[in-house]
N, C-alpha and C. Protein backbone atom coordinates (compact mmCIF):
# COMPACT_ATOMS: atom_id res chain seq x y z
N MET A 1 0.84 -1.18 0.00
CA MET A 1 0.00 0.00 0.00
C MET A 1 0.89 1.25 0.00
N ALA A 2 0.54 2.21 -0.80
CA ALA A 2 1.32 3.44 -0.92
C ALA A 2 1.22 4.27 0.36
N MET A 3 2.29 4.98 0.64
CA MET A 3 2.30 5.87 1.80
C MET A 3 1.35 7.04 1.57
N THR A 4 0.88 7.58 2.67
CA THR A 4 0.05 8.78 2.60
C THR A 4 0.92 10.00 2.90
N ARG A 5 0.38 11.17 2.60
CA ARG A 5 1.06 12.43 2.89
C ARG A 5 1.38 12.50 4.39
N ASP A 6 0.40 12.14 5.22
CA ASP A 6 0.59 12.22 6.67
C ASP A 6 1.71 11.30 7.14
N GLU A 7 1.84 10.13 6.53
CA GLU A 7 2.92 9.21 6.90
C GLU A 7 4.28 9.79 6.53
N VAL A 8 4.37 10.39 5.35
CA VAL A 8 5.63 11.01 4.93
C VAL A 8 6.01 12.11 5.90
N VAL A 9 5.05 12.97 6.24
CA VAL A 9 5.31 14.08 7.15
C VAL A 9 5.65 13.56 8.55
N SER A 10 5.08 12.43 8.95
CA SER A 10 5.38 11.89 10.28
C SER A 10 6.85 11.48 10.41
N VAL A 11 7.48 11.13 9.29
CA VAL A 11 8.89 10.74 9.31
C VAL A 11 9.79 11.95 9.06
N LEU A 12 9.45 12.75 8.05
CA LEU A 12 10.34 13.82 7.61
C LEU A 12 10.06 15.17 8.23
N GLY A 13 8.90 15.34 8.84
CA GLY A 13 8.52 16.67 9.31
C GLY A 13 8.03 17.49 8.13
N PRO A 14 7.93 18.81 8.30
CA PRO A 14 7.42 19.65 7.21
C PRO A 14 8.31 19.55 5.97
N VAL A 15 7.69 19.26 4.85
CA VAL A 15 8.41 19.12 3.58
C VAL A 15 7.46 19.54 2.47
N ASP A 16 8.01 20.02 1.36
CA ASP A 16 7.17 20.54 0.28
C ASP A 16 6.37 19.43 -0.40
N GLU A 17 5.27 19.84 -1.03
CA GLU A 17 4.34 18.89 -1.65
C GLU A 17 4.99 18.11 -2.79
N GLN A 18 5.88 18.71 -3.53
CA GLN A 18 6.54 18.01 -4.64
C GLN A 18 7.38 16.85 -4.10
N THR A 19 8.11 17.10 -3.02
CA THR A 19 8.92 16.04 -2.42
C THR A 19 8.03 14.91 -1.91
N ILE A 20 6.93 15.28 -1.28
CA ILE A 20 5.98 14.26 -0.79
C ILE A 20 5.49 13.41 -1.96
N ALA A 21 5.10 14.06 -3.05
CA ALA A 21 4.60 13.33 -4.22
C ALA A 21 5.67 12.40 -4.78
N GLU A 22 6.90 12.87 -4.88
CA GLU A 22 7.98 12.04 -5.41
C GLU A 22 8.23 10.83 -4.52
N ILE A 23 8.15 11.03 -3.22
CA ILE A 23 8.36 9.93 -2.28
C ILE A 23 7.24 8.90 -2.41
N VAL A 24 6.00 9.37 -2.47
CA VAL A 24 4.86 8.46 -2.61
C VAL A 24 4.96 7.67 -3.92
N LEU A 25 5.39 8.34 -4.99
CA LEU A 25 5.49 7.68 -6.30
C LEU A 25 6.56 6.59 -6.36
N THR A 26 7.47 6.55 -5.41
CA THR A 26 8.47 5.47 -5.41
C THR A 26 7.83 4.12 -5.11
N GLY A 27 6.65 4.15 -4.48
CA GLY A 27 6.00 2.90 -4.10
C GLY A 27 6.60 2.28 -2.85
N ALA A 28 7.47 3.01 -2.19
CA ALA A 28 8.13 2.51 -0.98
C ALA A 28 7.14 2.49 0.18
N SER A 29 7.46 1.66 1.15
CA SER A 29 6.63 1.56 2.36
C SER A 29 7.09 2.58 3.40
N LEU A 30 6.28 2.76 4.40
CA LEU A 30 6.63 3.65 5.51
C LEU A 30 7.91 3.17 6.18
N GLU A 31 8.05 1.87 6.35
CA GLU A 31 9.26 1.32 6.96
C GLU A 31 10.49 1.62 6.11
N GLU A 32 10.35 1.55 4.79
CA GLU A 32 11.47 1.88 3.91
C GLU A 32 11.85 3.36 4.02
N LEU A 33 10.85 4.22 4.17
CA LEU A 33 11.15 5.65 4.36
C LEU A 33 11.87 5.87 5.69
N ARG A 34 11.44 5.18 6.72
CA ARG A 34 12.14 5.30 8.01
C ARG A 34 13.59 4.83 7.89
N GLU A 35 13.79 3.75 7.17
CA GLU A 35 15.15 3.24 6.96
C GLU A 35 15.99 4.25 6.17
N ALA A 36 15.40 4.84 5.14
CA ALA A 36 16.12 5.85 4.34
C ALA A 36 16.50 7.04 5.21
N TRP A 37 15.60 7.46 6.08
CA TRP A 37 15.90 8.58 6.98
C TRP A 37 17.08 8.21 7.88
N ALA A 38 17.05 6.99 8.40
CA ALA A 38 18.13 6.55 9.29
C ALA A 38 19.47 6.51 8.55
N TRP A 39 19.48 6.04 7.31
CA TRP A 39 20.72 6.01 6.52
C TRP A 39 21.18 7.42 6.20
N THR A 40 20.26 8.32 5.90
CA THR A 40 20.62 9.68 5.51
C THR A 40 21.21 10.48 6.66
N PHE A 41 20.62 10.34 7.82
CA PHE A 41 21.01 11.19 8.94
C PHE A 41 21.76 10.45 10.04
N GLY A 42 22.06 9.17 9.84
CA GLY A 42 22.82 8.43 10.86
C GLY A 42 23.51 7.22 10.27
N ASP A 43 24.05 7.34 9.03
CA ASP A 43 24.59 6.18 8.35
C ASP A 43 25.77 5.54 9.06
N GLU A 44 26.56 6.32 9.76
CA GLU A 44 27.71 5.74 10.46
C GLU A 44 27.25 4.74 11.52
N ALA A 45 26.19 5.08 12.23
CA ALA A 45 25.66 4.18 13.25
C ALA A 45 25.15 2.89 12.61
N LEU A 46 24.47 2.98 11.48
CA LEU A 46 23.96 1.78 10.82
C LEU A 46 25.10 0.91 10.30
N MET A 47 26.13 1.54 9.76
CA MET A 47 27.28 0.78 9.28
C MET A 47 27.96 0.06 10.45
N ASN A 48 28.05 0.72 11.59
CA ASN A 48 28.68 0.11 12.76
C ASN A 48 27.86 -1.05 13.29
N GLU A 49 26.55 -1.07 13.01
CA GLU A 49 25.71 -2.18 13.42
C GLU A 49 25.85 -3.37 12.48
N GLY A 50 26.58 -3.19 11.38
CA GLY A 50 26.74 -4.26 10.41
C GLY A 50 25.53 -4.45 9.52
N ARG A 51 24.68 -3.45 9.42
CA ARG A 51 23.48 -3.54 8.58
C ARG A 51 23.89 -3.60 7.12
N PRO A 52 23.14 -4.36 6.31
CA PRO A 52 23.43 -4.39 4.87
C PRO A 52 23.13 -3.03 4.24
N LEU A 53 23.78 -2.74 3.13
CA LEU A 53 23.53 -1.49 2.43
C LEU A 53 22.07 -1.43 1.99
N PRO A 54 21.53 -0.23 1.84
CA PRO A 54 20.10 -0.10 1.50
C PRO A 54 19.78 -0.69 0.13
N GLY A 55 18.54 -1.20 0.02
CA GLY A 55 18.04 -1.73 -1.25
C GLY A 55 17.65 -0.61 -2.20
N THR A 56 17.10 -0.98 -3.34
CA THR A 56 16.79 -0.04 -4.41
C THR A 56 15.82 1.05 -4.00
N LYS A 57 14.69 0.68 -3.39
CA LYS A 57 13.70 1.69 -3.00
C LYS A 57 14.25 2.61 -1.92
N VAL A 58 14.95 2.05 -0.96
CA VAL A 58 15.52 2.86 0.10
C VAL A 58 16.57 3.81 -0.48
N ALA A 59 17.38 3.33 -1.40
CA ALA A 59 18.39 4.18 -2.04
C ALA A 59 17.73 5.33 -2.80
N ALA A 60 16.61 5.05 -3.48
CA ALA A 60 15.89 6.11 -4.20
C ALA A 60 15.34 7.14 -3.22
N LEU A 61 14.85 6.69 -2.09
CA LEU A 61 14.35 7.62 -1.06
C LEU A 61 15.49 8.46 -0.50
N ILE A 62 16.63 7.86 -0.29
CA ILE A 62 17.79 8.60 0.21
C ILE A 62 18.13 9.74 -0.75
N ASP A 63 18.11 9.44 -2.04
CA ASP A 63 18.39 10.47 -3.04
C ASP A 63 17.41 11.63 -2.95
N LEU A 64 16.16 11.33 -2.61
CA LEU A 64 15.14 12.37 -2.52
C LEU A 64 15.24 13.20 -1.24
N ILE A 65 15.69 12.60 -0.15
CA ILE A 65 15.64 13.32 1.13
C ILE A 65 16.97 13.85 1.62
N GLU A 66 18.08 13.40 1.03
CA GLU A 66 19.36 13.88 1.55
C GLU A 66 19.56 15.35 1.21
N PRO A 67 20.16 16.10 2.12
CA PRO A 67 20.40 17.52 1.87
C PRO A 67 21.33 17.72 0.68
N ALA A 68 21.09 18.78 -0.06
CA ALA A 68 21.97 19.13 -1.17
C ALA A 68 23.32 19.54 -0.60
N GLU A 69 24.40 19.20 -1.31
CA GLU A 69 25.74 19.50 -0.81
C GLU A 69 25.98 20.99 -0.66
N ASP A 70 25.33 21.80 -1.49
CA ASP A 70 25.54 23.24 -1.42
C ASP A 70 24.57 23.94 -0.46
N ALA A 71 23.72 23.18 0.20
CA ALA A 71 22.76 23.77 1.14
C ALA A 71 23.47 24.16 2.43
N ALA A 72 22.98 25.20 3.05
CA ALA A 72 23.57 25.68 4.30
C ALA A 72 23.31 24.71 5.44
N GLY A 73 22.23 23.97 5.36
CA GLY A 73 21.88 23.02 6.41
C GLY A 73 20.92 21.99 5.84
N PRO A 74 20.45 21.06 6.66
CA PRO A 74 19.54 20.04 6.18
C PRO A 74 18.26 20.65 5.63
N LEU A 75 17.75 20.07 4.55
CA LEU A 75 16.50 20.53 3.96
C LEU A 75 15.31 20.03 4.75
N LEU A 76 15.51 18.96 5.50
CA LEU A 76 14.43 18.36 6.25
C LEU A 76 14.68 18.53 7.73
N SER A 77 13.60 18.62 8.47
CA SER A 77 13.74 18.83 9.90
C SER A 77 13.89 17.52 10.66
N GLY A 78 13.59 16.39 10.03
CA GLY A 78 13.69 15.11 10.70
C GLY A 78 12.41 14.74 11.40
N PRO A 79 12.39 13.59 12.07
CA PRO A 79 11.16 13.13 12.70
C PRO A 79 10.76 14.03 13.85
N ARG A 80 9.49 14.03 14.09
CA ARG A 80 8.96 14.86 15.18
C ARG A 80 8.88 14.09 16.46
């Protein structure tokens, strides 16, 4: 089942509608979005746990939510 807008916001916090739509269109689950958030904002901890590298959907989500390199700070506020 596709994620809802509210589910996306519950993980990422306030985010623009285009990003929400792109995330929903990946067909990823809420759990996959949570995993992508964890890899994006805490990848060292996951690597230290010996977790396998993210799968295709999670990797696509990471591309959508990771801060741009030229941004002054994170584009997303993170979970609430």
